[in-house]
N, C-alpha and C. Protein backbone atom coordinates (compact mmCIF):
# COMPACT_ATOMS: atom_id res chain seq x y z
N UNK A 1 -31.98 23.65 -6.02
CA UNK A 1 -32.38 24.63 -5.05
C UNK A 1 -31.17 25.00 -4.18
N UNK A 2 -31.08 26.26 -3.79
CA UNK A 2 -29.92 26.72 -3.02
C UNK A 2 -30.06 26.36 -1.55
N UNK A 3 -28.95 26.37 -0.89
CA UNK A 3 -28.88 26.05 0.53
C UNK A 3 -29.65 27.10 1.32
N UNK A 4 -30.53 26.71 2.21
CA UNK A 4 -31.36 27.64 2.96
C UNK A 4 -30.60 28.36 4.07
N UNK A 5 -29.37 27.93 4.42
CA UNK A 5 -28.61 28.59 5.47
C UNK A 5 -27.79 29.76 4.94
N UNK A 6 -27.73 29.91 3.63
CA UNK A 6 -26.96 31.02 3.06
C UNK A 6 -27.68 32.33 3.33
N UNK A 7 -26.96 33.30 3.84
CA UNK A 7 -27.54 34.60 4.17
C UNK A 7 -27.09 35.60 3.12
N UNK A 8 -28.02 36.31 2.56
CA UNK A 8 -27.72 37.33 1.57
C UNK A 8 -28.07 38.68 2.18
N UNK A 9 -27.06 39.57 2.19
CA UNK A 9 -27.25 40.90 2.77
C UNK A 9 -27.67 41.87 1.69
N UNK A 10 -28.58 42.74 2.05
CA UNK A 10 -28.98 43.77 1.08
C UNK A 10 -28.00 44.93 1.19
N UNK A 11 -27.72 45.53 0.07
CA UNK A 11 -26.83 46.68 0.06
C UNK A 11 -27.33 47.66 -0.99
N UNK A 12 -26.78 48.84 -0.90
CA UNK A 12 -27.15 49.86 -1.87
C UNK A 12 -26.66 49.45 -3.25
N UNK A 13 -27.34 49.87 -4.28
CA UNK A 13 -26.87 49.52 -5.63
C UNK A 13 -25.50 50.12 -5.89
N UNK A 14 -24.71 49.40 -6.67
CA UNK A 14 -23.36 49.84 -6.98
C UNK A 14 -23.37 51.04 -7.91
N UNK A 15 -22.37 51.88 -7.70
CA UNK A 15 -22.16 53.02 -8.59
C UNK A 15 -21.10 52.62 -9.61
N UNK A 16 -21.03 53.33 -10.70
CA UNK A 16 -20.08 53.00 -11.76
C UNK A 16 -18.63 53.11 -11.31
N UNK A 17 -18.35 54.04 -10.37
CA UNK A 17 -16.97 54.27 -9.96
C UNK A 17 -16.65 53.69 -8.57
N UNK A 18 -17.45 52.74 -8.11
CA UNK A 18 -17.19 52.14 -6.80
C UNK A 18 -15.82 51.49 -6.70
N UNK A 19 -15.39 50.82 -7.76
CA UNK A 19 -14.07 50.17 -7.73
C UNK A 19 -12.95 51.18 -7.55
N UNK A 20 -13.10 52.33 -8.17
CA UNK A 20 -12.09 53.39 -8.03
C UNK A 20 -11.99 53.83 -6.58
N UNK A 21 -13.14 54.02 -5.94
CA UNK A 21 -13.14 54.50 -4.56
C UNK A 21 -12.68 53.42 -3.58
N UNK A 22 -12.97 52.16 -3.89
CA UNK A 22 -12.46 51.09 -3.05
C UNK A 22 -10.93 51.02 -3.12
N UNK A 23 -10.37 51.20 -4.31
CA UNK A 23 -8.92 51.23 -4.47
C UNK A 23 -8.32 52.43 -3.74
N UNK A 24 -9.01 53.56 -3.83
CA UNK A 24 -8.53 54.77 -3.14
C UNK A 24 -8.52 54.53 -1.63
N UNK A 25 -9.54 53.86 -1.11
CA UNK A 25 -9.59 53.54 0.32
C UNK A 25 -8.44 52.64 0.73
N UNK A 26 -8.12 51.64 -0.09
CA UNK A 26 -6.99 50.76 0.21
C UNK A 26 -5.68 51.54 0.20
N UNK A 27 -5.53 52.44 -0.77
CA UNK A 27 -4.31 53.25 -0.86
C UNK A 27 -4.20 54.17 0.36
N UNK A 28 -5.31 54.73 0.80
CA UNK A 28 -5.29 55.61 1.97
C UNK A 28 -4.80 54.86 3.20
N UNK A 29 -5.26 53.62 3.34
CA UNK A 29 -4.85 52.82 4.50
C UNK A 29 -3.37 52.47 4.42
N UNK A 30 -2.91 52.04 3.26
CA UNK A 30 -1.52 51.60 3.15
C UNK A 30 -0.52 52.76 3.18
N UNK A 31 -0.94 53.94 2.74
CA UNK A 31 -0.01 55.08 2.68
C UNK A 31 -0.16 56.06 3.83
N UNK A 32 -1.08 55.82 4.74
CA UNK A 32 -1.38 56.82 5.76
C UNK A 32 -0.19 57.10 6.69
N UNK A 33 0.52 56.08 7.12
CA UNK A 33 1.64 56.31 8.03
C UNK A 33 2.77 57.06 7.35
N UNK A 34 3.07 56.71 6.10
CA UNK A 34 4.14 57.43 5.40
C UNK A 34 3.72 58.87 5.11
N UNK A 35 2.43 59.10 4.89
CA UNK A 35 1.94 60.46 4.66
C UNK A 35 2.13 61.32 5.90
N UNK A 36 1.84 60.76 7.07
CA UNK A 36 2.01 61.50 8.33
C UNK A 36 3.49 61.80 8.56
N UNK A 37 4.34 60.82 8.28
CA UNK A 37 5.78 61.04 8.44
C UNK A 37 6.31 62.09 7.46
N UNK A 38 5.82 62.07 6.23
CA UNK A 38 6.23 63.08 5.25
C UNK A 38 5.78 64.47 5.69
N UNK A 39 4.59 64.57 6.24
CA UNK A 39 4.10 65.87 6.72
C UNK A 39 4.97 66.37 7.87
N UNK A 40 5.39 65.46 8.74
CA UNK A 40 6.27 65.85 9.85
C UNK A 40 7.62 66.33 9.31
N UNK A 41 8.13 65.68 8.27
CA UNK A 41 9.39 66.11 7.66
C UNK A 41 9.26 67.51 7.06
N UNK A 42 8.14 67.77 6.41
CA UNK A 42 7.92 69.10 5.84
C UNK A 42 7.81 70.15 6.94
N UNK A 43 7.18 69.79 8.04
CA UNK A 43 7.05 70.71 9.16
C UNK A 43 8.42 71.00 9.79
N UNK A 44 9.27 69.99 9.84
CA UNK A 44 10.63 70.18 10.37
C UNK A 44 11.40 71.19 9.50
N UNK A 45 11.26 71.06 8.19
CA UNK A 45 11.94 72.03 7.30
C UNK A 45 11.39 73.43 7.51
N UNK A 46 10.08 73.56 7.63
CA UNK A 46 9.46 74.88 7.85
C UNK A 46 9.93 75.47 9.18
N UNK A 47 10.02 74.63 10.20
CA UNK A 47 10.49 75.11 11.50
C UNK A 47 11.92 75.62 11.42
N UNK A 48 12.77 74.92 10.70
CA UNK A 48 14.15 75.36 10.54
C UNK A 48 14.23 76.72 9.87
N UNK A 49 13.44 76.90 8.83
CA UNK A 49 13.43 78.21 8.15
C UNK A 49 12.88 79.30 9.06
N UNK A 50 11.80 79.01 9.77
CA UNK A 50 11.22 80.02 10.67
C UNK A 50 12.20 80.43 11.75
N UNK A 51 12.86 79.46 12.34
CA UNK A 51 13.82 79.78 13.40
C UNK A 51 14.98 80.60 12.86
N UNK A 52 15.46 80.27 11.67
CA UNK A 52 16.54 81.04 11.07
C UNK A 52 16.14 82.48 10.79
N UNK A 53 14.97 82.66 10.22
CA UNK A 53 14.48 84.02 9.93
C UNK A 53 14.25 84.79 11.22
N UNK A 54 13.65 84.14 12.20
CA UNK A 54 13.37 84.80 13.49
C UNK A 54 14.66 85.27 14.16
N UNK A 55 15.64 84.38 14.20
CA UNK A 55 16.92 84.76 14.83
C UNK A 55 17.62 85.87 14.04
N UNK A 56 17.49 85.86 12.72
CA UNK A 56 18.08 86.93 11.91
C UNK A 56 17.40 88.27 12.21
N UNK A 57 16.08 88.25 12.32
CA UNK A 57 15.34 89.48 12.63
C UNK A 57 15.74 89.99 14.02
N UNK A 58 15.88 89.08 14.97
CA UNK A 58 16.32 89.50 16.31
C UNK A 58 17.72 90.08 16.26
N UNK A 59 18.57 89.54 15.41
CA UNK A 59 19.94 90.06 15.28
C UNK A 59 19.94 91.47 14.72
N UNK A 60 19.05 91.74 13.75
CA UNK A 60 18.97 93.09 13.18
C UNK A 60 18.38 94.09 14.17
N UNK A 61 17.53 93.61 15.07
CA UNK A 61 16.90 94.51 16.04
C UNK A 61 17.62 94.52 17.38
N UNK A 62 18.90 94.21 17.37
CA UNK A 62 19.67 94.10 18.61
C UNK A 62 19.68 95.40 19.40
N UNK A 63 19.75 96.53 18.71
CA UNK A 63 19.79 97.83 19.42
C UNK A 63 18.47 98.10 20.13
N UNK A 64 17.36 97.76 19.47
CA UNK A 64 16.04 97.97 20.09
C UNK A 64 15.84 97.03 21.28
N UNK A 65 16.38 95.82 21.18
CA UNK A 65 16.23 94.85 22.27
C UNK A 65 17.08 95.23 23.47
N UNK A 66 18.17 95.94 23.24
CA UNK A 66 19.08 96.29 24.33
C UNK A 66 18.42 97.19 25.36
N UNK A 67 17.46 98.00 24.94
CA UNK A 67 16.83 98.93 25.88
C UNK A 67 15.64 98.31 26.61
N UNK A 68 15.34 97.05 26.37
CA UNK A 68 14.21 96.38 27.03
C UNK A 68 14.66 95.78 28.35
N UNK A 69 13.70 95.62 29.26
CA UNK A 69 14.01 94.97 30.54
C UNK A 69 14.23 93.47 30.31
N UNK A 70 14.75 92.80 31.32
CA UNK A 70 15.03 91.37 31.21
C UNK A 70 13.74 90.58 30.96
N UNK A 71 12.66 90.96 31.61
CA UNK A 71 11.38 90.28 31.41
C UNK A 71 10.89 90.45 29.97
N UNK A 72 11.01 91.65 29.44
CA UNK A 72 10.59 91.89 28.06
C UNK A 72 11.46 91.11 27.07
N UNK A 73 12.77 91.06 27.36
CA UNK A 73 13.66 90.29 26.49
C UNK A 73 13.31 88.80 26.52
N UNK A 74 12.95 88.31 27.70
CA UNK A 74 12.64 86.88 27.83
C UNK A 74 11.38 86.50 27.05
N UNK A 75 10.51 87.46 26.82
CA UNK A 75 9.31 87.17 26.02
C UNK A 75 9.67 86.77 24.58
N UNK A 76 10.79 87.31 24.10
CA UNK A 76 11.20 87.00 22.73
C UNK A 76 11.71 85.56 22.58
N UNK A 77 11.90 84.88 23.69
CA UNK A 77 12.30 83.47 23.64
C UNK A 77 11.08 82.55 23.46
N UNK A 78 9.89 83.04 23.81
CA UNK A 78 8.69 82.19 23.78
C UNK A 78 8.42 81.56 22.41
N UNK A 79 8.54 82.29 21.28
CA UNK A 79 8.34 81.60 19.99
C UNK A 79 9.33 80.48 19.77
N UNK A 80 10.59 80.71 20.17
CA UNK A 80 11.60 79.67 19.99
C UNK A 80 11.28 78.44 20.83
N UNK A 81 10.79 78.64 22.04
CA UNK A 81 10.43 77.50 22.89
C UNK A 81 9.27 76.71 22.29
N UNK A 82 8.29 77.42 21.75
CA UNK A 82 7.17 76.74 21.10
C UNK A 82 7.64 75.97 19.87
N UNK A 83 8.57 76.54 19.13
CA UNK A 83 9.07 75.86 17.93
C UNK A 83 9.96 74.68 18.28
N UNK A 84 10.68 74.75 19.38
CA UNK A 84 11.47 73.60 19.83
C UNK A 84 10.54 72.46 20.24
N UNK A 85 9.45 72.80 20.92
CA UNK A 85 8.45 71.78 21.28
C UNK A 85 7.86 71.16 20.02
N UNK A 86 7.57 71.98 19.03
CA UNK A 86 7.04 71.48 17.76
C UNK A 86 8.05 70.58 17.07
N UNK A 87 9.30 70.97 17.09
CA UNK A 87 10.36 70.16 16.48
C UNK A 87 10.48 68.80 17.18
N UNK A 88 10.40 68.81 18.49
CA UNK A 88 10.45 67.56 19.25
C UNK A 88 9.31 66.63 18.85
N UNK A 89 8.11 67.19 18.74
CA UNK A 89 6.94 66.38 18.36
C UNK A 89 7.08 65.83 16.94
N UNK A 90 7.61 66.64 16.04
CA UNK A 90 7.83 66.18 14.67
C UNK A 90 8.85 65.05 14.63
N UNK A 91 9.90 65.18 15.41
CA UNK A 91 10.90 64.12 15.46
C UNK A 91 10.31 62.83 16.05
N UNK A 92 9.41 62.97 17.01
CA UNK A 92 8.73 61.80 17.57
C UNK A 92 7.88 61.10 16.51
N UNK A 93 7.30 61.87 15.60
CA UNK A 93 6.51 61.29 14.52
C UNK A 93 7.42 60.53 13.55
N UNK A 94 8.55 61.12 13.23
CA UNK A 94 9.45 60.53 12.24
C UNK A 94 10.20 59.31 12.80
N UNK A 95 10.49 59.33 14.08
CA UNK A 95 11.25 58.24 14.69
C UNK A 95 10.47 56.93 14.63
N UNK A 96 11.20 55.87 14.43
CA UNK A 96 10.59 54.55 14.46
C UNK A 96 10.74 53.97 15.85
N UNK A 97 9.81 53.11 16.21
CA UNK A 97 9.86 52.45 17.50
C UNK A 97 9.76 50.95 17.29
N UNK A 98 10.38 50.22 18.20
CA UNK A 98 10.30 48.77 18.13
C UNK A 98 8.94 48.34 18.67
N UNK A 99 8.19 47.63 17.84
CA UNK A 99 6.87 47.16 18.22
C UNK A 99 6.82 45.66 18.02
N UNK A 100 6.37 44.94 19.04
CA UNK A 100 6.21 43.50 18.91
C UNK A 100 4.87 43.22 18.23
N UNK A 101 4.93 42.69 17.03
CA UNK A 101 3.73 42.40 16.25
C UNK A 101 3.68 40.92 15.96
N UNK A 102 2.52 40.34 16.16
CA UNK A 102 2.32 38.94 15.78
C UNK A 102 1.99 38.93 14.29
N UNK A 103 2.96 38.56 13.48
CA UNK A 103 2.82 38.68 12.03
C UNK A 103 1.79 37.74 11.43
N UNK A 104 1.31 36.77 12.18
CA UNK A 104 0.27 35.87 11.68
C UNK A 104 -1.11 36.24 12.21
N UNK A 105 -1.21 37.42 12.83
CA UNK A 105 -2.48 37.85 13.41
C UNK A 105 -2.91 39.18 12.80
N UNK A 106 -3.83 39.12 11.83
CA UNK A 106 -4.30 40.37 11.21
C UNK A 106 -4.91 41.34 12.22
N UNK A 107 -5.60 40.83 13.22
CA UNK A 107 -6.22 41.73 14.19
C UNK A 107 -5.16 42.44 15.03
N UNK A 108 -4.06 41.76 15.38
CA UNK A 108 -2.98 42.39 16.13
C UNK A 108 -2.28 43.45 15.28
N UNK A 109 -2.04 43.11 14.02
CA UNK A 109 -1.39 44.06 13.11
C UNK A 109 -2.27 45.28 12.92
N UNK A 110 -3.57 45.06 12.72
CA UNK A 110 -4.51 46.17 12.53
C UNK A 110 -4.55 47.05 13.77
N UNK A 111 -4.66 46.44 14.95
CA UNK A 111 -4.76 47.21 16.19
C UNK A 111 -3.50 48.04 16.45
N UNK A 112 -2.33 47.43 16.28
CA UNK A 112 -1.09 48.15 16.55
C UNK A 112 -0.82 49.21 15.50
N UNK A 113 -1.14 48.92 14.25
CA UNK A 113 -0.95 49.90 13.19
C UNK A 113 -1.87 51.10 13.39
N UNK A 114 -3.11 50.83 13.70
CA UNK A 114 -4.08 51.92 13.94
C UNK A 114 -3.68 52.75 15.14
N UNK A 115 -3.25 52.09 16.22
CA UNK A 115 -2.83 52.80 17.42
C UNK A 115 -1.63 53.70 17.14
N UNK A 116 -0.64 53.15 16.42
CA UNK A 116 0.55 53.93 16.10
C UNK A 116 0.20 55.12 15.22
N UNK A 117 -0.66 54.91 14.22
CA UNK A 117 -1.05 56.00 13.33
C UNK A 117 -1.79 57.09 14.10
N UNK A 118 -2.70 56.71 14.98
CA UNK A 118 -3.44 57.71 15.75
C UNK A 118 -2.52 58.52 16.66
N UNK A 119 -1.54 57.85 17.29
CA UNK A 119 -0.59 58.57 18.16
C UNK A 119 0.26 59.54 17.34
N UNK A 120 0.75 59.08 16.21
CA UNK A 120 1.60 59.95 15.39
C UNK A 120 0.80 61.12 14.80
N UNK A 121 -0.44 60.87 14.43
CA UNK A 121 -1.29 61.95 13.91
C UNK A 121 -1.54 62.99 15.00
N UNK A 122 -1.77 62.53 16.23
CA UNK A 122 -1.98 63.46 17.35
C UNK A 122 -0.72 64.28 17.61
N UNK A 123 0.45 63.63 17.58
CA UNK A 123 1.70 64.36 17.77
C UNK A 123 1.90 65.39 16.67
N UNK A 124 1.54 65.03 15.44
CA UNK A 124 1.67 65.97 14.33
C UNK A 124 0.73 67.16 14.50
N UNK A 125 -0.48 66.91 14.98
CA UNK A 125 -1.42 68.01 15.21
C UNK A 125 -0.92 68.94 16.30
N UNK A 126 -0.37 68.38 17.39
CA UNK A 126 0.20 69.22 18.44
C UNK A 126 1.39 70.02 17.92
N UNK A 127 2.19 69.39 17.06
CA UNK A 127 3.34 70.09 16.48
C UNK A 127 2.87 71.26 15.64
N UNK A 128 1.83 71.05 14.85
CA UNK A 128 1.29 72.12 14.01
C UNK A 128 0.79 73.28 14.88
N UNK A 129 0.03 72.97 15.93
CA UNK A 129 -0.52 74.04 16.76
C UNK A 129 0.58 74.75 17.55
N UNK A 130 1.61 74.05 17.92
CA UNK A 130 2.74 74.68 18.58
C UNK A 130 3.45 75.64 17.63
N UNK A 131 3.62 75.21 16.38
CA UNK A 131 4.20 76.09 15.36
C UNK A 131 3.32 77.32 15.16
N UNK A 132 2.02 77.11 15.07
CA UNK A 132 1.09 78.22 14.85
C UNK A 132 1.11 79.19 16.03
N UNK A 133 1.15 78.68 17.25
CA UNK A 133 1.21 79.55 18.42
C UNK A 133 2.52 80.34 18.45
N UNK A 134 3.61 79.72 18.02
CA UNK A 134 4.87 80.43 17.92
C UNK A 134 4.81 81.57 16.92
N UNK A 135 4.15 81.33 15.79
CA UNK A 135 3.97 82.40 14.80
C UNK A 135 3.11 83.53 15.37
N UNK A 136 2.04 83.16 16.05
CA UNK A 136 1.17 84.17 16.65
C UNK A 136 1.93 84.98 17.69
N UNK A 137 2.72 84.30 18.51
CA UNK A 137 3.52 85.01 19.52
C UNK A 137 4.51 85.96 18.85
N UNK A 138 5.08 85.52 17.72
CA UNK A 138 6.02 86.37 16.99
C UNK A 138 5.35 87.64 16.50
N UNK A 139 4.19 87.49 15.90
CA UNK A 139 3.48 88.67 15.39
C UNK A 139 3.08 89.60 16.54
N UNK A 140 2.62 89.05 17.65
CA UNK A 140 2.25 89.88 18.78
C UNK A 140 3.46 90.62 19.33
N UNK A 141 4.59 89.93 19.43
CA UNK A 141 5.80 90.58 19.97
C UNK A 141 6.27 91.70 19.06
N UNK A 142 6.21 91.48 17.76
CA UNK A 142 6.69 92.53 16.85
C UNK A 142 5.72 93.70 16.73
N UNK A 143 4.43 93.44 16.99
CA UNK A 143 3.47 94.54 17.01
C UNK A 143 3.63 95.40 18.26
N UNK A 144 3.98 94.76 19.34
CA UNK A 144 4.16 95.50 20.60
C UNK A 144 5.49 96.20 20.56
């Protein structure tokens, strides 16, 4: 007879591909930080291209910009400022920081890893929205 203190939990019946999805979940956890850093690197490259194209377009439109007032000219800096903010946030995602981790404590490692991932993901989201606002500002400025 089995031990009466053993507790058996009920669960949903297994699906044929449960092992595949469990492995996928493990891979998502182990690769999540590098994925966020790779996305920040890609965003940095996109920002560099956008800034280069934007400055080239401003260079070609130098005669049209010359007849604008100082306030109107200063508006054309706003996309660049947004993109610089985005670049700063992307660099913050890519940069490593010294973190004191108790290597024999899974709960400490989990807590610090999760906290770092959430912070970097938030920085990446702000970087994306800053880039998007810069693009929107660019289109509005060129339409006006």
